[in-house]
N, C-alpha and C. Protein backbone atom coordinates (compact mmCIF):
# COMPACT_ATOMS: atom_id res chain seq x y z
N UNK A 1 0.90 -1.32 -0.07
CA UNK A 1 -0.01 0.05 0.03
C UNK A 1 0.95 0.99 0.33
N UNK A 2 2.06 1.33 0.64
CA UNK A 2 3.36 2.40 0.66
C UNK A 2 3.33 2.64 -0.69
N UNK A 3 3.54 1.48 -1.39
CA UNK A 3 3.82 1.96 -2.71
C UNK A 3 2.62 2.38 -4.15
N UNK A 4 1.23 2.24 -3.48
CA UNK A 4 -0.09 2.76 -4.07
C UNK A 4 0.06 4.42 -4.00
N UNK A 5 0.65 4.42 -1.95
CA UNK A 5 0.25 5.62 -2.09
C UNK A 5 1.16 6.67 -2.48
N UNK A 6 2.31 5.95 -2.89
CA UNK A 6 3.44 6.99 -3.71
C UNK A 6 3.73 7.07 -4.81
N UNK A 7 2.71 6.61 -5.71
CA UNK A 7 2.31 6.78 -6.72
C UNK A 7 2.07 5.63 -7.67
N UNK A 8 2.79 4.70 -7.14
CA UNK A 8 3.04 3.39 -8.09
C UNK A 8 1.30 2.42 -7.99
N UNK A 9 0.31 2.70 -9.02
CA UNK A 9 -0.73 2.30 -9.07
C UNK A 9 -0.69 0.84 -9.18
N UNK A 10 0.18 0.89 -10.03
CA UNK A 10 0.30 -1.24 -10.50
C UNK A 10 0.36 -1.81 -9.11
N UNK A 11 0.97 -1.25 -8.08
CA UNK A 11 0.99 -2.10 -6.85
C UNK A 11 -0.68 -2.65 -6.59
N UNK A 12 -1.62 -1.93 -6.78
CA UNK A 12 -3.39 -2.29 -6.92
C UNK A 12 -3.22 -3.40 -7.15
N UNK A 13 -2.62 -4.09 -7.97
CA UNK A 13 -2.86 -5.32 -8.62
C UNK A 13 -2.85 -5.89 -7.98
N UNK A 14 -1.34 -6.25 -6.91
CA UNK A 14 -0.64 -7.15 -6.40
C UNK A 14 -1.90 -7.63 -4.79
N UNK A 15 -2.44 -5.97 -4.42
CA UNK A 15 -3.43 -6.00 -3.27
C UNK A 15 -4.95 -6.75 -3.59
N UNK A 16 -4.54 -6.44 -4.89
CA UNK A 16 -6.00 -6.87 -4.62
C UNK A 16 -6.30 -8.53 -4.84
N UNK A 17 -5.25 -9.31 -6.00
CA UNK A 17 -4.75 -10.36 -6.12
C UNK A 17 -4.65 -10.87 -4.02
N UNK A 18 -4.07 -10.23 -3.56
CA UNK A 18 -4.12 -10.92 -2.38
C UNK A 18 -5.39 -10.73 -1.40
N UNK A 19 -5.74 -9.95 -1.78
CA UNK A 19 -7.22 -9.31 -0.54
C UNK A 19 -8.14 -9.50 -1.05
N UNK A 20 -8.64 -10.22 -2.24
CA UNK A 20 -9.85 -10.19 -2.50
C UNK A 20 -10.34 -11.12 -1.99
N UNK A 21 -9.65 -12.44 -1.52
CA UNK A 21 -10.92 -13.03 -1.38
C UNK A 21 -11.62 -13.03 0.04
N UNK A 22 -10.40 -12.77 0.87
CA UNK A 22 -10.76 -12.29 2.23
C UNK A 22 -11.14 -11.21 2.64
N UNK A 23 -11.73 -10.28 1.30
CA UNK A 23 -12.84 -9.38 1.58
C UNK A 23 -14.31 -10.01 1.43
N UNK A 24 -14.43 -10.76 0.22
CA UNK A 24 -15.04 -12.06 -0.35
C UNK A 24 -16.10 -12.16 0.92
N UNK A 25 -14.82 -13.31 1.94
CA UNK A 25 -15.30 -14.34 2.64
C UNK A 25 -15.52 -13.06 4.20
N UNK A 26 -15.49 -11.93 3.84
CA UNK A 26 -15.89 -11.26 5.52
C UNK A 26 -17.54 -11.01 4.66
N UNK A 27 -17.53 -10.00 3.47
CA UNK A 27 -18.73 -9.64 3.33
C UNK A 27 -19.87 -10.88 3.28
N UNK A 28 -19.31 -11.81 2.58
CA UNK A 28 -20.61 -13.31 2.58
C UNK A 28 -20.50 -13.63 3.95
N UNK A 29 -19.41 -13.98 5.12
CA UNK A 29 -19.79 -14.13 6.34
C UNK A 29 -20.72 -12.97 7.15
N UNK A 30 -20.90 -11.62 6.73
CA UNK A 30 -21.60 -10.90 6.83
C UNK A 30 -23.03 -10.56 6.47
N UNK A 31 -23.56 -11.10 5.93
CA UNK A 31 -24.83 -12.26 5.19
C UNK A 31 -25.09 -11.37 4.04
N UNK A 32 -23.76 -11.24 3.28
CA UNK A 32 -24.15 -10.44 1.98
C UNK A 32 -24.44 -11.80 0.44
N UNK A 33 -25.07 -11.15 -0.10
CA UNK A 33 -25.60 -12.07 -1.37
C UNK A 33 -24.78 -12.28 -2.46
N UNK A 34 -23.73 -13.06 -2.77
CA UNK A 34 -22.46 -12.96 -3.45
C UNK A 34 -22.07 -12.11 -4.56
N UNK A 35 -23.38 -11.42 -5.47
CA UNK A 35 -23.23 -10.59 -6.47
C UNK A 35 -22.76 -9.27 -5.89
N UNK A 36 -23.33 -9.26 -4.54
CA UNK A 36 -23.36 -7.65 -3.86
C UNK A 36 -21.94 -7.74 -3.00
N UNK A 37 -21.89 -8.94 -2.50
CA UNK A 37 -20.16 -9.48 -2.20
C UNK A 37 -18.74 -8.67 -3.16
N UNK A 38 -19.22 -9.12 -4.59
CA UNK A 38 -18.00 -8.93 -5.63
C UNK A 38 -18.33 -7.34 -5.31
N UNK A 39 -19.44 -6.62 -5.79
CA UNK A 39 -19.52 -5.38 -5.96
C UNK A 39 -19.31 -4.62 -4.71
N UNK A 40 -19.22 -4.98 -3.20
CA UNK A 40 -18.78 -4.55 -2.20
C UNK A 40 -17.51 -4.34 -2.46
N UNK A 41 -16.60 -5.84 -2.87
CA UNK A 41 -14.62 -5.65 -2.64
C UNK A 41 -14.00 -4.32 -4.09
N UNK A 42 -15.06 -4.37 -4.69
CA UNK A 42 -14.87 -3.47 -5.66
C UNK A 42 -14.96 -1.79 -5.07
N UNK A 43 -15.78 -1.98 -4.34
CA UNK A 43 -15.82 -0.79 -4.31
C UNK A 43 -14.74 -0.81 -2.42
N UNK A 44 -14.77 -1.15 -2.16
CA UNK A 44 -13.22 -1.41 -1.15
C UNK A 44 -12.16 -0.64 -1.94
N UNK A 45 -11.95 -1.61 -2.84
CA UNK A 45 -10.44 -1.02 -3.61
C UNK A 45 -10.40 0.13 -4.47
N UNK A 46 -11.88 0.38 -5.02
CA UNK A 46 -11.27 1.67 -5.14
C UNK A 46 -11.66 3.18 -4.13
N UNK A 47 -12.32 2.92 -3.19
CA UNK A 47 -11.52 3.70 -1.54
C UNK A 47 -10.83 4.09 -1.17
N UNK A 48 -10.10 2.36 -1.36
CA UNK A 48 -8.39 2.36 -1.18
C UNK A 48 -7.56 2.99 -1.73
N UNK A 49 -7.71 3.54 -3.12
CA UNK A 49 -7.06 3.59 -4.33
C UNK A 49 -7.57 5.34 -4.04
N UNK A 50 -8.82 5.81 -3.97
CA UNK A 50 -9.29 7.15 -3.53
C UNK A 50 -8.64 7.82 -2.14
N UNK A 51 -8.24 7.04 -0.83
CA UNK A 51 -8.13 7.34 -0.03
C UNK A 51 -7.00 6.83 0.51
N UNK A 52 -6.03 6.31 -0.49
CA UNK A 52 -4.43 5.93 -0.20
C UNK A 52 -3.47 7.53 0.21
N UNK A 53 -3.65 8.87 0.37
CA UNK A 53 -2.96 9.36 1.58
C UNK A 53 -3.28 9.15 2.96
N UNK A 54 -4.81 8.36 3.31
CA UNK A 54 -4.88 8.19 4.81
C UNK A 54 -4.03 6.97 5.07
N UNK A 55 -3.71 6.46 4.58
CA UNK A 55 -2.76 5.40 4.94
C UNK A 55 -1.32 5.64 5.43
N UNK A 56 -1.51 5.14 6.11
CA UNK A 56 -0.39 5.46 7.55
C UNK A 56 0.59 3.99 7.75
N UNK A 57 1.47 4.41 6.91
CA UNK A 57 2.28 3.16 6.96
C UNK A 57 3.19 2.24 8.67
N UNK A 58 2.96 3.30 9.54
CA UNK A 58 2.88 2.56 10.91
C UNK A 58 1.67 1.50 11.75
N UNK A 59 0.54 1.80 10.64
CA UNK A 59 -0.24 1.48 11.30
C UNK A 59 -1.17 -0.43 10.03
N UNK A 60 -1.39 -1.19 10.91
CA UNK A 60 -1.90 -2.51 10.07
C UNK A 60 -2.43 -2.20 9.11
N UNK A 61 -1.86 -3.13 7.82
CA UNK A 61 -2.91 -2.36 6.17
C UNK A 61 -4.01 -3.09 6.46
N UNK A 62 -4.32 -4.48 7.07
CA UNK A 62 -5.25 -4.78 7.22
C UNK A 62 -6.61 -4.57 7.72
N UNK A 63 -6.57 -3.69 9.09
CA UNK A 63 -6.96 -2.91 10.04
C UNK A 63 -7.81 -1.90 9.05
N UNK A 64 -7.09 -1.05 8.14
CA UNK A 64 -6.85 -0.02 7.80
C UNK A 64 -7.76 -0.34 6.71
N UNK A 65 -7.72 -1.80 5.73
CA UNK A 65 -8.45 -1.95 4.94
C UNK A 65 -9.66 -2.49 5.25
N UNK A 66 -10.11 -3.29 6.76
CA UNK A 66 -11.65 -4.00 6.80
C UNK A 66 -11.69 -2.92 7.53
N UNK A 67 -11.49 -1.35 7.92
CA UNK A 67 -12.65 -0.77 8.33
C UNK A 67 -12.58 0.02 7.03
N UNK A 68 -12.34 0.35 5.75
CA UNK A 68 -13.39 0.34 4.69
C UNK A 68 -13.87 -0.37 4.45
N UNK A 69 -13.81 -1.40 4.51
CA UNK A 69 -14.69 -2.31 3.90
C UNK A 69 -15.69 -2.75 4.90
N UNK A 70 -15.75 -1.97 6.36
CA UNK A 70 -17.03 -2.07 7.42
C UNK A 70 -17.55 -0.88 6.70
N UNK A 71 -17.23 0.50 6.25
CA UNK A 71 -18.00 1.59 5.86
C UNK A 71 -18.12 1.39 4.97
N UNK A 72 -17.93 0.60 4.07
CA UNK A 72 -18.66 -0.01 2.82
C UNK A 72 -19.87 -0.26 2.58
N UNK A 73 -19.60 -1.31 3.73
CA UNK A 73 -20.90 -2.31 4.73
C UNK A 73 -22.01 -1.13 4.12
N UNK A 74 -21.74 -0.26 5.68
CA UNK A 74 -22.81 0.23 5.99
C UNK A 74 -23.39 1.12 5.26
N UNK A 75 -22.19 2.02 4.10
CA UNK A 75 -22.94 2.60 3.17
C UNK A 75 -24.15 1.85 2.35
N UNK A 76 -23.74 0.40 2.04
CA UNK A 76 -24.32 0.12 1.02
C UNK A 76 -26.02 -0.24 1.98
N UNK A 77 -25.85 -0.51 3.06
CA UNK A 77 -27.20 -0.92 3.30
C UNK A 77 -27.87 0.30 4.25
N UNK A 78 -27.57 1.30 4.14
CA UNK A 78 -28.10 2.78 4.21
C UNK A 78 -28.98 2.91 2.70
N UNK A 79 -28.24 2.73 1.35
CA UNK A 79 -28.53 2.90 0.09
C UNK A 79 -29.73 2.16 -0.32
N UNK A 80 -29.72 0.80 0.26
CA UNK A 80 -30.58 -0.40 -0.16
C UNK A 80 -31.42 -1.41 1.34
N UNK A 81 -32.17 -1.44 0.62
CA UNK A 81 -32.58 -2.84 1.36
C UNK A 81 -31.35 -3.82 1.74
N UNK A 82 -31.80 -3.44 3.62
CA UNK A 82 -30.64 -4.82 4.20
C UNK A 82 -29.91 -6.08 3.17
N UNK A 83 -29.27 -6.76 3.35
CA UNK A 83 -28.52 -7.89 2.39
C UNK A 83 -28.61 -9.14 3.05
N UNK A 84 -28.53 -10.21 2.16
CA UNK A 84 -28.97 -10.78 2.97
C UNK A 84 -28.64 -12.22 2.13
N UNK A 85 -27.71 -13.46 3.20
CA UNK A 85 -27.64 -14.58 2.61
C UNK A 85 -27.99 -15.05 1.12
N UNK A 86 -27.27 -15.49 0.62
CA UNK A 86 -27.86 -16.25 -0.22
C UNK A 86 -27.83 -17.85 -0.06
N UNK A 87 -28.75 -18.28 -0.05
CA UNK A 87 -29.02 -19.92 0.53
C UNK A 87 -27.83 -20.87 -0.34
N UNK A 88 -27.62 -20.43 -1.51
CA UNK A 88 -26.54 -21.31 -2.13
C UNK A 88 -25.16 -20.67 -2.62
N UNK A 89 -24.92 -20.17 -0.88
CA UNK A 89 -23.44 -19.61 -0.52
C UNK A 89 -22.77 -20.97 -0.67
N UNK A 90 -21.51 -20.76 -0.95
CA UNK A 90 -20.29 -21.67 -0.80
C UNK A 90 -19.62 -21.59 0.77
N UNK A 91 -20.02 -22.42 1.28
CA UNK A 91 -19.70 -22.81 3.00
C UNK A 91 -17.98 -23.41 3.19
N UNK A 92 -17.05 -22.54 2.79
CA UNK A 92 -15.49 -23.14 3.38
C UNK A 92 -15.40 -24.32 4.39
N UNK A 93 -16.78 -24.43 5.24
CA UNK A 93 -16.33 -25.40 6.44
C UNK A 93 -17.07 -26.96 5.83
N UNK A 94 -18.18 -26.90 4.79
CA UNK A 94 -18.25 -27.93 4.35
C UNK A 94 -17.19 -29.12 4.17
N UNK A 95 -17.69 -30.14 4.31
CA UNK A 95 -16.57 -31.38 4.21
C UNK A 95 -17.47 -32.46 3.70
N UNK A 96 -16.42 -33.45 2.83
CA UNK A 96 -17.59 -34.42 2.40
C UNK A 96 -16.27 -35.22 3.37
N UNK A 97 -17.22 -36.30 3.24
CA UNK A 97 -16.77 -37.52 4.25
C UNK A 97 -17.32 -39.28 3.77
N UNK A 98 -16.43 -40.05 3.86
CA UNK A 98 -17.13 -41.51 3.26
C UNK A 98 -18.03 -41.87 3.86
N UNK A 99 -18.62 -41.31 4.78
CA UNK A 99 -19.66 -42.22 5.91
C UNK A 99 -21.15 -41.13 5.24
N UNK A 100 -22.17 -41.23 4.89
CA UNK A 100 -23.15 -40.64 4.79
C UNK A 100 -23.97 -40.03 6.11
N UNK A 101 -23.49 -40.48 7.47
CA UNK A 101 -24.32 -40.04 8.29
C UNK A 101 -23.15 -38.97 8.89
N UNK A 102 -22.44 -39.35 8.97
CA UNK A 102 -20.78 -38.36 9.24
C UNK A 102 -21.34 -36.51 8.91
N UNK A 103 -21.19 -37.09 7.07
CA UNK A 103 -21.56 -35.98 6.20
C UNK A 103 -22.60 -35.07 6.95
N UNK A 104 -23.88 -35.68 7.07
CA UNK A 104 -25.15 -35.31 7.39
C UNK A 104 -25.33 -34.37 8.69
N UNK A 105 -24.73 -34.99 9.51
CA UNK A 105 -24.35 -34.63 10.78
C UNK A 105 -23.54 -32.85 10.94
N UNK A 106 -22.38 -33.15 9.77
CA UNK A 106 -21.26 -32.06 9.71
C UNK A 106 -22.11 -31.01 9.09
N UNK A 107 -22.77 -31.09 8.14
CA UNK A 107 -24.00 -30.14 7.28
C UNK A 107 -24.62 -29.86 8.15
N UNK A 108 -25.58 -30.26 8.53
CA UNK A 108 -26.60 -29.49 9.74
C UNK A 108 -25.72 -28.92 10.93
N UNK A 109 -25.14 -30.02 11.70
CA UNK A 109 -24.27 -28.43 12.32
C UNK A 109 -23.71 -27.47 12.08
N UNK A 110 -23.22 -27.14 10.48
CA UNK A 110 -22.91 -26.02 10.28
C UNK A 110 -23.72 -25.64 9.80
N UNK A 111 -25.32 -25.82 9.45
CA UNK A 111 -26.37 -24.92 8.92
C UNK A 111 -26.59 -24.45 10.29
N UNK A 112 -27.18 -25.27 11.91
CA UNK A 112 -27.36 -24.10 12.97
C UNK A 112 -26.20 -23.62 13.35
N UNK A 113 -25.05 -23.28 13.27
CA UNK A 113 -23.90 -22.69 13.53
C UNK A 113 -24.16 -21.40 12.26
N UNK A 114 -24.63 -21.50 10.73
CA UNK A 114 -24.81 -20.27 10.05
C UNK A 114 -25.94 -19.79 10.95
N UNK A 115 -27.68 -20.09 10.99
CA UNK A 115 -28.52 -19.56 11.26
C UNK A 115 -27.76 -18.93 12.55
N UNK A 116 -27.37 -19.40 13.59
CA UNK A 116 -26.91 -18.66 14.73
C UNK A 116 -26.46 -17.47 14.67
N UNK A 117 -24.80 -17.43 13.95
CA UNK A 117 -24.72 -16.33 13.52
C UNK A 117 -25.12 -15.31 12.70
N UNK A 118 -26.06 -15.76 11.92
CA UNK A 118 -26.83 -14.81 11.27
C UNK A 118 -28.22 -14.06 12.35
N UNK A 119 -28.34 -14.40 13.03
CA UNK A 119 -29.47 -14.07 14.34
C UNK A 119 -28.90 -13.10 14.88
N UNK A 120 -27.34 -13.36 15.06
CA UNK A 120 -26.52 -12.13 16.23
C UNK A 120 -26.72 -10.78 15.73
N UNK A 121 -26.90 -9.88 16.73
CA UNK A 121 -26.48 -8.81 16.06
C UNK A 121 -25.79 -8.71 15.19
N UNK A 122 -25.34 -7.69 14.35
CA UNK A 122 -24.33 -6.88 13.70
C UNK A 122 -23.06 -6.66 14.18
N UNK A 123 -23.05 -5.94 15.19
CA UNK A 123 -21.96 -5.91 15.58
C UNK A 123 -21.28 -7.12 16.29
N UNK A 124 -22.20 -8.62 16.94
CA UNK A 124 -21.65 -9.31 17.66
C UNK A 124 -21.21 -9.81 16.15
N UNK A 125 -21.78 -10.33 15.00
CA UNK A 125 -21.56 -10.93 14.37
C UNK A 125 -19.95 -10.74 13.35
N UNK A 126 -20.16 -9.78 13.77
CA UNK A 126 -18.74 -8.91 12.76
C UNK A 126 -17.45 -9.03 12.97
N UNK A 127 -17.17 -8.91 14.77
CA UNK A 127 -15.98 -9.39 15.79
C UNK A 127 -16.17 -10.33 15.70
N UNK A 128 -16.74 -11.34 15.34
CA UNK A 128 -16.82 -13.03 14.94
C UNK A 128 -15.87 -13.36 13.75
N UNK A 129 -16.83 -12.80 12.87
CA UNK A 129 -16.33 -12.79 11.54
C UNK A 129 -14.69 -12.29 11.31
N UNK A 130 -14.16 -11.23 11.81
CA UNK A 130 -13.35 -10.59 11.66
C UNK A 130 -11.97 -11.68 12.42
N UNK A 131 -12.29 -11.60 13.77
CA UNK A 131 -11.81 -12.42 14.70
C UNK A 131 -11.49 -14.38 13.95
N UNK A 132 -13.01 -14.82 13.94
CA UNK A 132 -12.29 -16.37 13.22
C UNK A 132 -12.44 -16.56 12.16
N UNK A 133 -12.83 -16.13 11.25
CA UNK A 133 -12.96 -15.99 9.42
C UNK A 133 -11.51 -15.47 9.31
N UNK A 134 -11.41 -14.08 9.42
CA UNK A 134 -10.17 -13.65 9.34
C UNK A 134 -9.02 -13.64 9.80
N UNK A 135 -9.29 -14.06 10.96
CA UNK A 135 -7.94 -14.58 11.69
C UNK A 135 -7.77 -12.95 12.23
N UNK A 136 -8.08 -11.72 12.64
CA UNK A 136 -7.53 -11.02 13.24
C UNK A 136 -7.25 -11.32 14.84
N UNK A 137 -6.10 -10.23 14.79
CA UNK A 137 -5.44 -10.04 16.39
C UNK A 137 -6.46 -9.69 17.50
N UNK A 138 -6.16 -9.34 18.05
CA UNK A 138 -7.08 -8.92 19.41
C UNK A 138 -6.89 -6.83 19.23
N UNK A 139 -5.31 -6.77 18.74
CA UNK A 139 -5.05 -5.72 18.23
C UNK A 139 -5.71 -4.60 16.60
N UNK A 140 -5.49 -5.77 16.17
CA UNK A 140 -6.18 -5.12 14.88
C UNK A 140 -7.89 -5.02 14.88
N UNK A 141 -8.48 -6.30 16.02
CA UNK A 141 -10.13 -5.91 16.21
C UNK A 141 -9.95 -4.41 16.55
N UNK A 142 -9.28 -4.01 17.53
CA UNK A 142 -9.26 -2.71 18.20
C UNK A 142 -8.86 -1.73 17.43
N UNK A 143 -7.78 -1.76 16.28
CA UNK A 143 -7.91 -1.13 15.01
C UNK A 143 -9.10 -0.60 14.19
N UNK A 144 -9.58 -1.87 13.89
CA UNK A 144 -10.79 -1.67 13.10
C UNK A 144 -12.17 -1.26 13.80
N UNK A 145 -11.71 -1.61 15.35
CA UNK A 145 -13.66 -1.14 16.20
C UNK A 145 -13.68 0.08 16.36
N UNK A 146 -12.27 0.58 16.45
CA UNK A 146 -11.98 2.09 17.12
C UNK A 146 -12.13 2.11 18.61
N UNK A 147 -11.74 0.89 19.50
CA UNK A 147 -11.04 0.82 20.84
C UNK A 147 -10.16 0.15 21.12
N UNK A 148 -10.34 0.26 22.70
CA UNK A 148 -8.86 -0.46 22.68
C UNK A 148 -8.78 -2.22 22.53
N UNK A 149 -7.66 -1.94 23.01
CA UNK A 149 -7.59 -4.00 23.06
C UNK A 149 -7.94 -5.11 24.05
N UNK A 150 -8.18 -4.10 25.25
CA UNK A 150 -8.84 -4.62 25.92
C UNK A 150 -10.67 -4.80 25.83
N UNK A 151 -10.77 -3.85 25.10
CA UNK A 151 -12.71 -3.60 24.84
C UNK A 151 -12.52 -4.29 23.59
N UNK A 152 -11.51 -4.95 23.04
CA UNK A 152 -11.55 -5.44 21.65
C UNK A 152 -12.10 -7.03 22.37
N UNK A 153 -11.56 -7.45 23.32
CA UNK A 153 -11.00 -8.47 23.49
C UNK A 153 -12.08 -8.95 24.42
N UNK A 154 -13.18 -8.31 25.35
CA UNK A 154 -14.43 -8.29 25.98
C UNK A 154 -15.70 -8.47 24.50
N UNK A 155 -15.35 -7.49 23.84
CA UNK A 155 -16.76 -7.63 22.58
C UNK A 155 -16.28 -9.62 22.49
N UNK A 156 -15.06 -9.30 22.04
CA UNK A 156 -15.03 -10.53 21.55
C UNK A 156 -16.23 -11.94 22.85
N UNK A 157 -15.11 -11.77 23.69
CA UNK A 157 -15.94 -12.93 24.44
C UNK A 157 -17.85 -13.10 24.08
N UNK A 158 -17.84 -11.58 25.04
CA UNK A 158 -19.41 -11.79 24.67
C UNK A 158 -19.95 -11.95 23.70
N UNK A 159 -19.16 -11.80 22.36
CA UNK A 159 -20.05 -12.29 20.79
C UNK A 159 -19.69 -13.78 20.81
N UNK A 160 -18.42 -14.42 21.60
CA UNK A 160 -18.90 -15.86 21.07
C UNK A 160 -19.99 -16.33 22.29
N UNK A 161 -20.27 -16.06 23.72
CA UNK A 161 -21.21 -16.55 24.53
C UNK A 161 -22.54 -15.84 23.86
N UNK A 162 -22.61 -14.95 23.34
CA UNK A 162 -23.80 -14.93 22.53
C UNK A 162 -24.23 -16.05 21.28
N UNK A 163 -23.23 -16.36 20.41
CA UNK A 163 -22.88 -17.20 19.68
C UNK A 163 -23.33 -18.64 20.27
N UNK A 164 -22.59 -18.92 21.72
CA UNK A 164 -22.68 -20.27 22.14
C UNK A 164 -24.67 -20.33 22.27
N UNK A 165 -24.82 -19.08 23.21
CA UNK A 165 -26.55 -19.33 23.36
C UNK A 165 -27.31 -19.25 22.02
N UNK A 166 -26.71 -18.87 20.49
CA UNK A 166 -27.58 -18.97 19.92
C UNK A 166 -27.72 -20.68 19.28
N UNK A 167 -26.61 -20.52 19.23
CA UNK A 167 -26.38 -22.06 18.66
C UNK A 167 -27.31 -23.18 19.49
N UNK A 168 -26.89 -23.28 20.81
CA UNK A 168 -27.87 -23.80 21.67
C UNK A 168 -29.14 -23.82 21.50
N UNK A 169 -29.50 -22.78 21.31
CA UNK A 169 -31.18 -22.25 20.68
C UNK A 169 -31.26 -23.37 19.71
N UNK A 170 -30.76 -23.20 18.92
CA UNK A 170 -31.32 -23.46 17.28
C UNK A 170 -31.24 -25.08 17.40
N UNK A 171 -30.59 -25.54 18.08
CA UNK A 171 -30.31 -27.57 18.19
C UNK A 171 -31.25 -27.57 18.73
N UNK A 172 -31.57 -26.79 20.15
CA UNK A 172 -32.92 -27.22 20.73
C UNK A 172 -34.08 -26.94 20.44
N UNK A 173 -34.33 -25.84 18.92
CA UNK A 173 -35.44 -25.66 17.81
C UNK A 173 -35.35 -26.81 16.99
N UNK A 174 -34.52 -27.35 16.77
CA UNK A 174 -34.20 -28.82 15.86
C UNK A 174 -34.71 -30.07 16.39
N UNK A 175 -34.25 -29.93 17.49
CA UNK A 175 -35.18 -31.15 18.19
C UNK A 175 -35.91 -31.64 18.46
N UNK A 176 -36.42 -30.33 19.01
CA UNK A 176 -38.05 -30.11 19.25
C UNK A 176 -39.03 -30.24 18.34
N UNK A 177 -38.32 -30.16 17.32
CA UNK A 177 -39.44 -30.04 16.31
C UNK A 177 -39.54 -31.14 15.00
N UNK A 178 -38.70 -31.92 15.89
CA UNK A 178 -38.55 -33.36 15.31
C UNK A 178 -39.50 -34.28 15.08
């Protein structure tokens, strides 16, 4: 990004290649349909180019980029109705097993987890997506969320507890509906 900032715009190609899929994953896990997620990734890179002067080399590039992604998502949500997850989305946690019962159980668990994640408030879902799917450190979370590292740890802990409760509720609902 430092090269882009100083005028070597070809470096954006490298950044795009390196960070396109993590951004797509972030948007998809935040509940955005695939085609809308692609549009948002394009928006993030356009904003990175437009606001390249605001990047400070001593800060985390990923945190800066995901702050732009957060802002792009919020702006998109203001302009149109809430974006919802496309039911045909690829899930990186899908696994294929030689035992059909094991595969069915795994797919059921993944579905319960996806529903539990989708029912969380956006602020809790977002911190979980950044921490667990994007592997952000507590310091990076703090930079993206605009809070202290300690506050980021507390928010993550609370989000994990909320997910655990939601997941348990999904399982109980599923079992009682059988």
